[in-house]
Each structure stands twice: as structure tokens, then as C-alpha cells.
Protein backbone atom coordinates (compact mmCIF):
# COMPACT_ATOMS: atom_id res chain seq x y z
CA MET A 1 11.04 10.70 17.20
CA THR A 2 12.06 7.26 19.07
CA GLN A 3 15.03 7.81 21.09
CA GLY A 4 14.24 8.14 24.52
CA LEU A 5 15.00 11.81 26.58
CA ASP A 6 17.60 12.10 28.50
CA PRO A 7 16.77 11.34 32.18
CA ALA A 8 18.67 13.72 34.40
CA LEU A 9 16.40 16.39 31.56
CA LEU A 10 13.29 14.50 32.27
CA ALA A 11 13.50 14.67 36.10
CA LYS A 12 14.33 18.76 35.94
CA LEU A 13 10.80 19.35 33.34
CA ALA A 14 8.23 20.47 34.79
CA CYS A 15 4.87 21.10 32.86
CA PRO A 16 4.77 24.58 32.63
CA VAL A 17 0.95 25.40 33.28
CA THR A 18 0.55 23.04 36.48
CA ARG A 19 4.14 22.79 37.58
CA THR A 20 3.61 19.15 37.34
CA PRO A 21 6.84 16.59 36.04
CA LEU A 22 5.88 15.81 32.65
CA ARG A 23 5.68 11.86 31.27
CA TRP A 24 8.04 11.19 28.33
CA ASP A 25 5.84 9.24 26.09
CA ALA A 26 7.89 7.60 23.35
CA GLU A 27 5.72 6.21 20.99
CA ARG A 28 4.74 9.64 20.12
CA GLY A 29 7.67 11.38 20.84
CA GLU A 30 5.90 14.84 23.69
CA LEU A 31 6.21 15.10 27.74
CA VAL A 32 2.84 14.79 28.93
CA SER A 33 0.91 16.27 31.32
CA GLU A 34 -1.05 14.65 32.94
CA ALA A 35 -2.38 17.29 35.26
CA ALA A 36 -2.90 19.72 32.37
CA GLY A 37 -4.35 17.25 29.64
CA LEU A 38 -1.08 18.41 27.51
CA ALA A 39 0.86 16.49 25.31
CA PHE A 40 3.82 18.99 24.62
CA PRO A 41 6.47 18.24 20.82
CA VAL A 42 9.98 17.43 21.59
CA ARG A 43 11.24 18.69 17.79
CA ASP A 44 14.97 17.73 17.61
CA GLY A 45 15.67 16.55 21.02
CA VAL A 46 14.40 19.97 22.43
CA PRO A 47 11.59 19.73 24.04
CA VAL A 48 8.99 22.70 23.87
CA LEU A 49 7.53 24.03 26.44
CA VAL A 50 4.38 26.26 24.30
CA VAL A 51 0.81 25.90 26.08
CA ARG A 52 -0.04 26.64 21.86
CA GLU A 53 2.46 23.80 20.72
CA ALA A 54 1.16 21.38 22.98
CA ARG A 55 -1.65 18.67 22.39
CA VAL A 56 -4.95 18.19 24.33
CA ILE A 57 -4.97 15.06 25.01
CA ALA A 58 -8.23 13.00 24.79
CA GLU A 59 -10.13 12.35 27.88
CA THR A 60 -10.75 8.41 28.74
């Protein structure tokens, strides 16, 4: 997904694990929780904030 996420929606979303803000990764089309080390997919413009659907982010 190359299009952006609505900034008003992004401001209201939080990580379901840590309740911290999410960061939009436009290149991968996912919402990233730095605190939880998870990336949540966005499918057809809809954020999927389900932990079992999230991708674990490799530690740097």
C-alpha cells in the first residue's frame, strides 16, 4: 500500500499491547509500535490491530 493513512485516524490509534502511539511506515504499509516491537498490517485501508496478525520487528 503506497497511499498514506489519514492523519486524524492515525492520531486516534494506539498499540493494543502497550497503548502507545503507532507510527505509519509508508514503505511497508503498516503501523509500527516501537514499544512492543510489532508492525500491524493495513489491509484495504483498514488497520488490523490484532496481535496474532502483527509482524515482529527485528531488533536493531
